[in-house]
Amino acid sequence: MAPPKKKPYLLRHWAIYSMILPGLLYFLTFKYIPLTGSIIAFQDYNIFKGVFGSPYVGWKHFENLFTLPEFFQVLRNTLLISLYQLAFGFPAPILLALLLNEVRKLAFKRISQTVLYLPHFMSWVIVGGLVINFLSPTIGLFNDFLEWLGFERIFFMQEPKFIRSIIVTSGIWKEVGWNTIIYLAALAGINPEYYEAAEVDGAGKFRQVVSITLPALLPTIMVLLLLRIGHILDLGFEQIYMLLNPLLWDNGEVFDTYIYRVGLLGGQYSYTTAIDMFKAVVGFILLMGANRLSKKTTGNSLY
């Protein structure tokens, strides 16, 4: 008598594999299907004719990207703000996590973490209003402090030279506490015996941080840094839109607000879709390059 035929692997484990269906449906519906709309970057899209009725124009809108001076101004603003965030915003949660990790009073540590997490739960509408009021030349606390020191009041939200610093600083204040969670979780996984052995060998706190803590955090730092590099042209819309006004466009407008202003309000859907595709391609190339570089130099990579 022949042995019973064995079911295929997927049929035998269908219950486990079915758990990925919600995730697949989410990505299919909200990530992959919308990608098909990118075809309007190669058309003179007319909202009344639709995708199938609008004429194709080839690379016309991509050529426009590199001929309009306005595009390079927005590209410069986006790169500068993103690099400032990378230089000041990325190390901030690492430093904060290292400091919190050294706090031995549990009650103080929990209260500090709660206070630091709170800004993350506020919307940019609230945070933007707080920042504008805080810097107000008439009622702003910061200007009151400057006046108390003997300086003149400054119209921060009317001076283009301040807008990049305001964007970077407000972003750090809002998210630094929340971003420490991942680093604190990684720090909790370090074996305490390493620190005990280091103390026996006479290593101080600074040496322990350099020789034990930072090497243990390096894989986490590299993964988050690579993901950040992949979004270097993607600064988000809400924060900058809330802080921006026409006086600050020269130094503060980035791709996300430019796409909204020119694409949605100005009706240039094809041109701004081409900009969005440009952002995606640049982000993809940077991510691939940084991932390969990280793999060769540190051994850590996304894949």
C-alpha atoms as a PDB file:
ATOM      1  CA  MET A   1       0.000   0.000   0.000  1.00  0.00           C
ATOM      2  CA  ALA A   2       1.393   3.343  -1.094  1.00  0.00           C
ATOM      3  CA  PRO A   3       2.023   5.909   1.726  1.00  0.00           C
ATOM      4  CA  PRO A   4      -0.459   8.838   1.861  1.00  0.00           C
ATOM      5  CA  LYS A   5       0.560  11.785  -0.317  1.00  0.00           C
ATOM      6  CA  LYS A   6       2.114  14.579   1.712  1.00  0.00           C
ATOM      7  CA  LYS A   7       0.512  18.027   1.395  1.00  0.00           C
ATOM      8  CA  PRO A   8       2.635  20.869  -0.016  1.00  0.00           C
ATOM      9  CA  TYR A   9       4.529  22.953   2.558  1.00  0.00           C
ATOM     10  CA  LEU A  10       2.377  26.074   2.126  1.00  0.00           C
ATOM     11  CA  LEU A  11      -0.861  24.117   2.542  1.00  0.00           C
ATOM     12  CA  ARG A  12       0.393  22.498   5.722  1.00  0.00           C
ATOM     13  CA  HIS A  13       1.347  25.886   7.221  1.00  0.00           C
ATOM     14  CA  TRP A  14      -1.385  28.039   5.664  1.00  0.00           C
ATOM     15  CA  ALA A  15      -2.517  29.358   9.063  1.00  0.00           C
ATOM     16  CA  ILE A  16       0.902  30.897   9.768  1.00  0.00           C
ATOM     17  CA  TYR A  17       1.352  32.322   6.280  1.00  0.00           C
ATOM     18  CA  SER A  18      -2.154  33.784   6.272  1.00  0.00           C
ATOM     19  CA  MET A  19      -1.018  36.175   9.009  1.00  0.00           C
ATOM     20  CA  ILE A  20       0.990  38.156   6.479  1.00  0.00           C
ATOM     21  CA  LEU A  21      -2.107  38.851   4.361  1.00  0.00           C
ATOM     22  CA  PRO A  22      -3.123  42.087   6.179  1.00  0.00           C
ATOM     23  CA  GLY A  23       0.404  43.448   5.696  1.00  0.00           C
ATOM     24  CA  LEU A  24       0.478  42.459   2.041  1.00  0.00           C
ATOM     25  CA  LEU A  25      -2.927  44.043   1.418  1.00  0.00           C
ATOM     26  CA  TYR A  26      -1.820  47.241   3.142  1.00  0.00           C
ATOM     27  CA  PHE A  27       1.311  47.605   1.024  1.00  0.00           C
ATOM     28  CA  LEU A  28      -0.524  46.606  -2.141  1.00  0.00           C
ATOM     29  CA  THR A  29      -3.337  49.103  -1.564  1.00  0.00           C
ATOM     30  CA  PHE A  30      -1.458  52.093  -0.177  1.00  0.00           C
ATOM     31  CA  LYS A  31       2.079  51.673  -1.566  1.00  0.00           C
ATOM     32  CA  TYR A  32       2.091  49.785  -4.870  1.00  0.00           C
ATOM     33  CA  ILE A  33      -1.223  50.651  -6.536  1.00  0.00           C
ATOM     34  CA  PRO A  34      -0.634  54.443  -6.050  1.00  0.00           C
ATOM     35  CA  LEU A  35       2.722  54.006  -7.827  1.00  0.00           C
ATOM     36  CA  THR A  36       0.868  53.508 -11.094  1.00  0.00           C
ATOM     37  CA  GLY A  37      -0.236  57.147 -10.854  1.00  0.00           C
ATOM     38  CA  SER A  38       3.402  58.192 -11.352  1.00  0.00           C
ATOM     39  CA  ILE A  39       2.820  57.783 -15.076  1.00  0.00           C
ATOM     40  CA  ILE A  40       1.411  61.335 -15.164  1.00  0.00           C
ATOM     41  CA  ALA A  41       5.024  62.561 -14.789  1.00  0.00           C
ATOM     42  CA  PHE A  42       5.367  61.630 -18.486  1.00  0.00           C
ATOM     43  CA  GLN A  43       2.123  63.346 -19.510  1.00  0.00           C
ATOM     44  CA  ASP A  44       0.636  66.808 -19.668  1.00  0.00           C
ATOM     45  CA  TYR A  45      -1.957  65.638 -17.220  1.00  0.00           C
ATOM     46  CA  ASN A  46      -5.389  67.153 -17.539  1.00  0.00           C
ATOM     47  CA  ILE A  47      -7.729  66.476 -14.649  1.00  0.00           C
ATOM     48  CA  PHE A  48     -10.759  66.395 -16.974  1.00  0.00           C
ATOM     49  CA  LYS A  49      -9.180  64.002 -19.512  1.00  0.00           C
ATOM     50  CA  GLY A  50      -7.709  61.708 -16.870  1.00  0.00           C
ATOM     51  CA  VAL A  51      -4.693  59.408 -17.104  1.00  0.00           C
ATOM     52  CA  PHE A  52      -5.928  57.643 -20.230  1.00  0.00           C
ATOM     53  CA  GLY A  53      -6.866  60.811 -22.141  1.00  0.00           C
ATOM     54  CA  SER A  54      -3.904  63.083 -21.326  1.00  0.00           C
ATOM     55  CA  PRO A  55      -1.144  63.349 -23.964  1.00  0.00           C
ATOM     56  CA  TYR A  56       2.286  61.862 -23.367  1.00  0.00           C
ATOM     57  CA  VAL A  57       5.220  64.306 -23.454  1.00  0.00           C
ATOM     58  CA  GLY A  58       8.165  62.037 -22.655  1.00  0.00           C
ATOM     59  CA  TRP A  59      10.880  63.527 -20.424  1.00  0.00           C
ATOM     60  CA  LYS A  60       9.642  67.131 -20.756  1.00  0.00           C
ATOM     61  CA  HIS A  61       8.893  67.632 -17.044  1.00  0.00           C
ATOM     62  CA  PHE A  62      12.178  66.053 -15.967  1.00  0.00           C
ATOM     63  CA  GLU A  63      14.058  68.419 -18.291  1.00  0.00           C
ATOM     64  CA  ASN A  64      12.167  71.320 -16.715  1.00  0.00           C
ATOM     65  CA  LEU A  65      13.497  70.303 -13.301  1.00  0.00           C
ATOM     66  CA  PHE A  66      17.022  71.221 -14.316  1.00  0.00           C
ATOM     67  CA  THR A  67      16.180  74.406 -16.201  1.00  0.00           C
ATOM     68  CA  LEU A  68      14.064  76.215 -13.600  1.00  0.00           C
ATOM     69  CA  PRO A  69      16.116  78.232 -11.038  1.00  0.00           C
ATOM     70  CA  GLU A  70      13.299  77.750  -8.532  1.00  0.00           C
ATOM     71  CA  PHE A  71      13.985  74.009  -8.479  1.00  0.00           C
ATOM     72  CA  PHE A  72      17.633  74.461  -7.477  1.00  0.00           C
ATOM     73  CA  GLN A  73      16.651  76.873  -4.728  1.00  0.00           C
ATOM     74  CA  VAL A  74      14.236  74.314  -3.282  1.00  0.00           C
ATOM     75  CA  LEU A  75      16.840  71.541  -3.711  1.00  0.00           C
ATOM     76  CA  ARG A  76      19.421  73.632  -1.824  1.00  0.00           C
ATOM     77  CA  ASN A  77      16.994  74.358   1.030  1.00  0.00           C
ATOM     78  CA  THR A  78      16.007  70.697   1.293  1.00  0.00           C
ATOM     79  CA  LEU A  79      19.596  69.463   1.328  1.00  0.00           C
ATOM     80  CA  LEU A  80      20.785  72.063   3.851  1.00  0.00           C
ATOM     81  CA  ILE A  81      17.928  71.452   6.304  1.00  0.00           C
ATOM     82  CA  SER A  82      18.299  67.689   5.919  1.00  0.00           C
ATOM     83  CA  LEU A  83      22.058  67.844   6.534  1.00  0.00           C
ATOM     84  CA  TYR A  84      21.532  70.061   9.589  1.00  0.00           C
ATOM     85  CA  GLN A  85      19.025  67.541  10.921  1.00  0.00           C
ATOM     86  CA  LEU A  86      21.492  64.745  10.241  1.00  0.00           C
ATOM     87  CA  ALA A  87      24.337  66.599  11.977  1.00  0.00           C
ATOM     88  CA  PHE A  88      22.395  67.824  15.028  1.00  0.00           C
ATOM     89  CA  GLY A  89      19.141  65.870  15.180  1.00  0.00           C
ATOM     90  CA  PHE A  90      20.475  62.369  14.637  1.00  0.00           C
ATOM     91  CA  PRO A  91      23.083  62.331  17.471  1.00  0.00           C
ATOM     92  CA  ALA A  92      20.720  64.063  19.944  1.00  0.00           C
ATOM     93  CA  PRO A  93      18.674  60.963  20.951  1.00  0.00           C
ATOM     94  CA  ILE A  94      21.863  58.886  21.215  1.00  0.00           C
ATOM     95  CA  LEU A  95      23.366  61.391  23.635  1.00  0.00           C
ATOM     96  CA  LEU A  96      20.099  61.650  25.577  1.00  0.00           C
ATOM     97  CA  ALA A  97      19.801  57.860  25.822  1.00  0.00           C
ATOM     98  CA  LEU A  98      23.373  57.629  27.151  1.00  0.00           C
ATOM     99  CA  LEU A  99      22.603  60.265  29.788  1.00  0.00           C
ATOM    100  CA  LEU A 100      19.312  58.648  30.827  1.00  0.00           C
ATOM    101  CA  ASN A 101      21.040  55.284  31.034  1.00  0.00           C
ATOM    102  CA  GLU A 102      23.352  56.675  33.718  1.00  0.00           C
ATOM    103  CA  VAL A 103      20.487  57.935  35.914  1.00  0.00           C
ATOM    104  CA  ARG A 104      20.181  55.657  38.941  1.00  0.00           C
ATOM    105  CA  LYS A 105      17.112  57.238  40.608  1.00  0.00           C
ATOM    106  CA  LEU A 106      14.301  55.245  38.984  1.00  0.00           C
ATOM    107  CA  ALA A 107      11.537  57.733  39.830  1.00  0.00           C
ATOM    108  CA  PHE A 108      13.491  60.663  38.369  1.00  0.00           C
ATOM    109  CA  LYS A 109      14.319  58.616  35.279  1.00  0.00           C
ATOM    110  CA  ARG A 110      10.674  57.729  34.623  1.00  0.00           C
ATOM    111  CA  ILE A 111       9.466  61.295  35.143  1.00  0.00           C
ATOM    112  CA  SER A 112      12.205  62.609  32.829  1.00  0.00           C
ATOM    113  CA  GLN A 113      11.323  60.102  30.117  1.00  0.00           C
ATOM    114  CA  THR A 114       7.612  60.929  30.348  1.00  0.00           C
ATOM    115  CA  VAL A 115       8.287  64.670  30.075  1.00  0.00           C
ATOM    116  CA  LEU A 116      10.623  64.114  27.125  1.00  0.00           C
ATOM    117  CA  TYR A 117       8.115  61.869  25.312  1.00  0.00           C
ATOM    118  CA  LEU A 118       5.193  64.322  25.621  1.00  0.00           C
ATOM    119  CA  PRO A 119       6.046  66.650  22.676  1.00  0.00           C
ATOM    120  CA  HIS A 120       5.911  63.673  20.299  1.00  0.00           C
ATOM    121  CA  PHE A 121       2.180  63.297  20.940  1.00  0.00           C
ATOM    122  CA  MET A 122       1.396  66.892  20.065  1.00  0.00           C
ATOM    123  CA  SER A 123       0.537  67.689  16.450  1.00  0.00           C
ATOM    124  CA  TRP A 124       2.651  70.104  14.433  1.00  0.00           C
ATOM    125  CA  VAL A 125      -0.295  72.505  14.479  1.00  0.00           C
ATOM    126  CA  ILE A 126       0.123  72.874  18.244  1.00  0.00           C
ATOM    127  CA  VAL A 127       3.927  72.791  18.188  1.00  0.00           C
ATOM    128  CA  GLY A 128       4.069  75.305  15.326  1.00  0.00           C
ATOM    129  CA  GLY A 129       1.786  77.669  17.247  1.00  0.00           C
ATOM    130  CA  LEU A 130       3.936  77.317  20.366  1.00  0.00           C
ATOM    131  CA  VAL A 131       7.127  78.042  18.405  1.00  0.00           C
ATOM    132  CA  ILE A 132       5.643  81.108  16.694  1.00  0.00           C
ATOM    133  CA  ASN A 133       4.358  82.489  20.013  1.00  0.00           C
ATOM    134  CA  PHE A 134       7.621  81.686  21.792  1.00  0.00           C
ATOM    135  CA  LEU A 135       9.551  83.688  19.159  1.00  0.00           C
ATOM    136  CA  SER A 136       6.995  86.480  18.837  1.00  0.00           C
ATOM    137  CA  PRO A 137       8.580  89.976  18.932  1.00  0.00           C
ATOM    138  CA  THR A 138       5.769  91.279  21.183  1.00  0.00           C
ATOM    139  CA  ILE A 139       4.781  88.457  23.563  1.00  0.00           C
ATOM    140  CA  GLY A 140       7.502  85.849  22.962  1.00  0.00           C
ATOM    141  CA  LEU A 141       9.447  84.606  25.973  1.00  0.00           C
ATOM    142  CA  PHE A 142      12.646  84.338  23.960  1.00  0.00           C
ATOM    143  CA  ASN A 143      12.484  87.992  22.934  1.00  0.00           C
ATOM    144  CA  ASP A 144      11.699  88.952  26.542  1.00  0.00           C
ATOM    145  CA  PHE A 145      14.880  87.129  27.539  1.00  0.00           C
ATOM    146  CA  LEU A 146      16.901  88.898  24.821  1.00  0.00           C
ATOM    147  CA  GLU A 147      15.558  92.263  25.956  1.00  0.00           C
ATOM    148  CA  TRP A 148      16.437  91.415  29.572  1.00  0.00           C
ATOM    149  CA  LEU A 149      20.003  90.741  28.402  1.00  0.00           C
ATOM    150  CA  GLY A 150      20.096  94.156  26.715  1.00  0.00           C
ATOM    151  CA  PHE A 151      19.576  93.060  23.096  1.00  0.00           C
ATOM    152  CA  GLU A 152      16.945  94.322  20.670  1.00  0.00           C
ATOM    153  CA  ARG A 153      13.872  92.256  19.922  1.00  0.00           C
ATOM    154  CA  ILE A 154      14.133  90.158  16.751  1.00  0.00           C
ATOM    155  CA  PHE A 155      11.394  89.348  14.235  1.00  0.00           C
ATOM    156  CA  PHE A 156      12.420  85.708  13.900  1.00  0.00           C
ATOM    157  CA  MET A 157       9.503  84.663  11.707  1.00  0.00           C
ATOM    158  CA  GLN A 158      10.194  87.468   9.229  1.00  0.00           C
ATOM    159  CA  GLU A 159      13.940  86.907   8.822  1.00  0.00           C
ATOM    160  CA  PRO A 160      14.800  84.142   6.278  1.00  0.00           C
ATOM    161  CA  LYS A 161      18.221  83.565   7.868  1.00  0.00           C
ATOM    162  CA  PHE A 162      16.615  82.086  11.021  1.00  0.00           C
ATOM    163  CA  ILE A 163      14.098  79.679   9.479  1.00  0.00           C
ATOM    164  CA  ARG A 164      16.450  76.700   8.999  1.00  0.00           C
ATOM    165  CA  SER A 165      17.640  76.886  12.602  1.00  0.00           C
ATOM    166  CA  ILE A 166      14.032  77.155  13.802  1.00  0.00           C
ATOM    167  CA  ILE A 167      12.992  74.090  11.774  1.00  0.00           C
ATOM    168  CA  VAL A 168      15.900  71.968  13.000  1.00  0.00           C
ATOM    169  CA  THR A 169      15.621  73.064  16.655  1.00  0.00           C
ATOM    170  CA  SER A 170      11.847  72.586  16.860  1.00  0.00           C
ATOM    171  CA  GLY A 171      12.165  69.157  15.236  1.00  0.00           C
ATOM    172  CA  ILE A 172      14.780  68.069  17.757  1.00  0.00           C
ATOM    173  CA  TRP A 173      12.680  69.313  20.691  1.00  0.00           C
ATOM    174  CA  LYS A 174       9.581  67.458  19.492  1.00  0.00           C
ATOM    175  CA  GLU A 175      11.109  64.088  18.623  1.00  0.00           C
ATOM    176  CA  VAL A 176      14.303  63.678  20.639  1.00  0.00           C
ATOM    177  CA  GLY A 177      12.566  62.016  23.595  1.00  0.00           C
ATOM    178  CA  TRP A 178      10.582  59.605  21.462  1.00  0.00           C
ATOM    179  CA  ASN A 179      13.615  58.616  19.385  1.00  0.00           C
ATOM    180  CA  THR A 180      15.525  57.611  22.518  1.00  0.00           C
ATOM    181  CA  ILE A 181      13.196  54.626  23.025  1.00  0.00           C
ATOM    182  CA  ILE A 182      15.027  52.458  20.482  1.00  0.00           C
ATOM    183  CA  TYR A 183      18.441  53.333  21.916  1.00  0.00           C
ATOM    184  CA  LEU A 184      17.294  52.742  25.504  1.00  0.00           C
ATOM    185  CA  ALA A 185      15.961  49.330  24.451  1.00  0.00           C
ATOM    186  CA  ALA A 186      19.335  48.511  22.861  1.00  0.00           C
ATOM    187  CA  LEU A 187      21.147  49.698  26.015  1.00  0.00           C
ATOM    188  CA  ALA A 188      18.935  47.459  28.167  1.00  0.00           C
ATOM    189  CA  GLY A 189      20.199  44.455  26.200  1.00  0.00           C
ATOM    190  CA  ILE A 190      23.865  44.978  27.141  1.00  0.00           C
ATOM    191  CA  ASN A 191      25.119  42.420  29.624  1.00  0.00           C
ATOM    192  CA  PRO A 192      25.826  44.202  32.998  1.00  0.00           C
ATOM    193  CA  GLU A 193      28.794  41.864  33.538  1.00  0.00           C
ATOM    194  CA  TYR A 194      30.711  43.835  30.900  1.00  0.00           C
ATOM    195  CA  TYR A 195      30.443  46.982  33.035  1.00  0.00           C
ATOM    196  CA  GLU A 196      31.337  45.084  36.217  1.00  0.00           C
ATOM    197  CA  ALA A 197      34.442  43.644  34.553  1.00  0.00           C
ATOM    198  CA  ALA A 198      35.383  47.106  33.249  1.00  0.00           C
ATOM    199  CA  GLU A 199      35.062  48.605  36.751  1.00  0.00           C
ATOM    200  CA  VAL A 200      37.287  45.872  38.136  1.00  0.00           C
ATOM    201  CA  ASP A 201      39.867  46.810  35.488  1.00  0.00           C
ATOM    202  CA  GLY A 202      39.659  50.443  36.601  1.00  0.00           C
ATOM    203  CA  ALA A 203      37.702  51.819  33.617  1.00  0.00           C
ATOM    204  CA  GLY A 204      35.815  55.035  34.318  1.00  0.00           C
ATOM    205  CA  LYS A 205      32.381  55.963  32.960  1.00  0.00           C
ATOM    206  CA  PHE A 206      33.748  57.610  29.839  1.00  0.00           C
ATOM    207  CA  ARG A 207      35.919  54.590  29.004  1.00  0.00           C
ATOM    208  CA  GLN A 208      32.931  52.274  29.574  1.00  0.00           C
ATOM    209  CA  VAL A 209      30.830  54.326  27.189  1.00  0.00           C
ATOM    210  CA  VAL A 210      33.555  54.309  24.518  1.00  0.00           C
ATOM    211  CA  SER A 211      34.556  50.658  24.878  1.00  0.00           C
ATOM    212  CA  ILE A 212      31.251  48.950  25.752  1.00  0.00           C
ATOM    213  CA  THR A 213      28.171  51.086  25.203  1.00  0.00           C
ATOM    214  CA  LEU A 214      28.904  52.663  21.816  1.00  0.00           C
ATOM    215  CA  PRO A 215      30.118  49.399  20.168  1.00  0.00           C
ATOM    216  CA  ALA A 216      26.948  47.694  21.432  1.00  0.00           C
ATOM    217  CA  LEU A 217      24.821  50.515  19.994  1.00  0.00           C
ATOM    218  CA  LEU A 218      26.645  50.638  16.665  1.00  0.00           C
ATOM    219  CA  PRO A 219      24.374  48.179  14.759  1.00  0.00           C
ATOM    220  CA  THR A 220      21.263  50.100  15.867  1.00  0.00           C
ATOM    221  CA  ILE A 221      22.868  53.437  15.020  1.00  0.00           C
ATOM    222  CA  MET A 222      23.901  52.268  11.547  1.00  0.00           C
ATOM    223  CA  VAL A 223      20.469  50.871  10.668  1.00  0.00           C
ATOM    224  CA  LEU A 224      18.702  54.082  11.733  1.00  0.00           C
ATOM    225  CA  LEU A 225      21.322  56.207   9.972  1.00  0.00           C
ATOM    226  CA  LEU A 226      20.887  54.278   6.730  1.00  0.00           C
ATOM    227  CA  LEU A 227      17.119  54.681   6.898  1.00  0.00           C
ATOM    228  CA  ARG A 228      17.583  58.419   7.531  1.00  0.00           C
ATOM    229  CA  ILE A 229      19.910  58.770   4.544  1.00  0.00           C
ATOM    230  CA  GLY A 230      17.288  57.135   2.341  1.00  0.00           C
ATOM    231  CA  HIS A 231      14.882  59.959   3.265  1.00  0.00           C
ATOM    232  CA  ILE A 232      17.366  62.802   2.895  1.00  0.00           C
ATOM    233  CA  LEU A 233      15.110  64.659   0.420  1.00  0.00           C
ATOM    234  CA  ASP A 234      11.961  63.767   2.328  1.00  0.00           C
ATOM    235  CA  LEU A 235      11.587  66.236   5.198  1.00  0.00           C
ATOM    236  CA  GLY A 236       7.854  65.904   5.676  1.00  0.00           C
ATOM    237  CA  PHE A 237       5.149  68.488   5.094  1.00  0.00           C
ATOM    238  CA  GLU A 238       3.417  69.409   8.340  1.00  0.00           C
ATOM    239  CA  GLN A 239       6.291  70.918  10.321  1.00  0.00           C
ATOM    240  CA  ILE A 240       7.670  73.170   7.607  1.00  0.00           C
ATOM    241  CA  TYR A 241       4.248  74.179   6.307  1.00  0.00           C
ATOM    242  CA  MET A 242       3.245  75.314   9.802  1.00  0.00           C
ATOM    243  CA  LEU A 243       6.395  77.413  10.267  1.00  0.00           C
ATOM    244  CA  LEU A 244       6.647  78.803   6.733  1.00  0.00           C
ATOM    245  CA  ASN A 245       5.267  82.083   5.406  1.00  0.00           C
ATOM    246  CA  PRO A 246       5.912  83.901   2.089  1.00  0.00           C
ATOM    247  CA  LEU A 247       8.709  85.985   3.679  1.00  0.00           C
ATOM    248  CA  LEU A 248      10.661  82.797   4.447  1.00  0.00           C
ATOM    249  CA  TRP A 249      10.238  80.926   1.159  1.00  0.00           C
ATOM    250  CA  ASP A 250      13.728  81.766  -0.117  1.00  0.00           C
ATOM    251  CA  ASN A 251      15.455  79.871   2.704  1.00  0.00           C
ATOM    252  CA  GLY A 252      12.719  77.629   4.055  1.00  0.00           C
ATOM    253  CA  GLU A 253      10.745  76.108   1.207  1.00  0.00           C
ATOM    254  CA  VAL A 254      11.504  72.417   0.648  1.00  0.00           C
ATOM    255  CA  PHE A 255      10.249  69.851  -1.849  1.00  0.00           C
ATOM    256  CA  ASP A 256       7.231  68.801   0.218  1.00  0.00           C
ATOM    257  CA  THR A 257       5.833  72.326   0.616  1.00  0.00           C
ATOM    258  CA  TYR A 258       6.809  73.228  -2.966  1.00  0.00           C
ATOM    259  CA  ILE A 259       4.913  70.212  -4.323  1.00  0.00           C
ATOM    260  CA  TYR A 260       1.856  71.245  -2.323  1.00  0.00           C
ATOM    261  CA  ARG A 261       2.021  74.894  -3.434  1.00  0.00           C
ATOM    262  CA  VAL A 262       2.842  74.331  -7.112  1.00  0.00           C
ATOM    263  CA  GLY A 263       1.280  70.915  -7.649  1.00  0.00           C
ATOM    264  CA  LEU A 264      -1.973  70.977  -5.717  1.00  0.00           C
ATOM    265  CA  LEU A 265      -2.652  74.721  -5.482  1.00  0.00           C
ATOM    266  CA  GLY A 266      -1.094  75.592  -8.854  1.00  0.00           C
ATOM    267  CA  GLY A 267      -2.467  72.602 -10.730  1.00  0.00           C
ATOM    268  CA  GLN A 268       0.923  71.465 -12.138  1.00  0.00           C
ATOM    269  CA  TYR A 269       0.366  67.811 -11.306  1.00  0.00           C
ATOM    270  CA  SER A 270       2.759  66.317 -13.876  1.00  0.00           C
ATOM    271  CA  TYR A 271       5.660  68.617 -13.009  1.00  0.00           C
ATOM    272  CA  THR A 272       5.419  67.975  -9.260  1.00  0.00           C
ATOM    273  CA  THR A 273       5.010  64.230  -9.825  1.00  0.00           C
ATOM    274  CA  ALA A 274       8.315  64.370 -11.719  1.00  0.00           C
ATOM    275  CA  ILE A 275       9.859  66.078  -8.678  1.00  0.00           C
ATOM    276  CA  ASP A 276       8.517  63.351  -6.420  1.00  0.00           C
ATOM    277  CA  MET A 277      10.016  60.671  -8.693  1.00  0.00           C
ATOM    278  CA  PHE A 278      13.327  62.556  -8.612  1.00  0.00           C
ATOM    279  CA  LYS A 279      13.221  62.464  -4.788  1.00  0.00           C
ATOM    280  CA  ALA A 280      12.511  58.732  -4.761  1.00  0.00           C
ATOM    281  CA  VAL A 281      15.322  57.890  -7.195  1.00  0.00           C
ATOM    282  CA  VAL A 282      17.889  60.011  -5.328  1.00  0.00           C
ATOM    283  CA  GLY A 283      16.830  58.471  -1.997  1.00  0.00           C
ATOM    284  CA  PHE A 284      17.098  54.963  -3.432  1.00  0.00           C
ATOM    285  CA  ILE A 285      20.596  55.584  -4.859  1.00  0.00           C
ATOM    286  CA  LEU A 286      21.822  57.134  -1.605  1.00  0.00           C
ATOM    287  CA  LEU A 287      20.386  54.271   0.429  1.00  0.00           C
ATOM    288  CA  MET A 288      22.034  51.640  -1.772  1.00  0.00           C
ATOM    289  CA  GLY A 289      25.386  53.442  -1.713  1.00  0.00           C
ATOM    290  CA  ALA A 290      25.339  54.056   2.049  1.00  0.00           C
ATOM    291  CA  ASN A 291      24.269  50.478   2.727  1.00  0.00           C
ATOM    292  CA  ARG A 292      27.152  49.084   0.670  1.00  0.00           C
ATOM    293  CA  LEU A 293      29.626  51.479   2.300  1.00  0.00           C
ATOM    294  CA  SER A 294      28.403  50.555   5.779  1.00  0.00           C
ATOM    295  CA  LYS A 295      28.663  46.850   4.990  1.00  0.00           C
ATOM    296  CA  LYS A 296      32.280  47.224   3.902  1.00  0.00           C
ATOM    297  CA  THR A 297      33.423  49.501   6.727  1.00  0.00           C
ATOM    298  CA  THR A 298      31.424  48.358   9.784  1.00  0.00           C
ATOM    299  CA  GLY A 299      29.902  45.029   8.757  1.00  0.00           C
ATOM    300  CA  ASN A 300      26.411  46.376   9.538  1.00  0.00           C
ATOM    301  CA  SER A 301      23.801  46.803   6.809  1.00  0.00           C
ATOM    302  CA  LEU A 302      20.088  46.638   6.147  1.00  0.00           C
ATOM    303  CA  TYR A 303      20.379  43.412   4.132  1.00  0.00           C
END
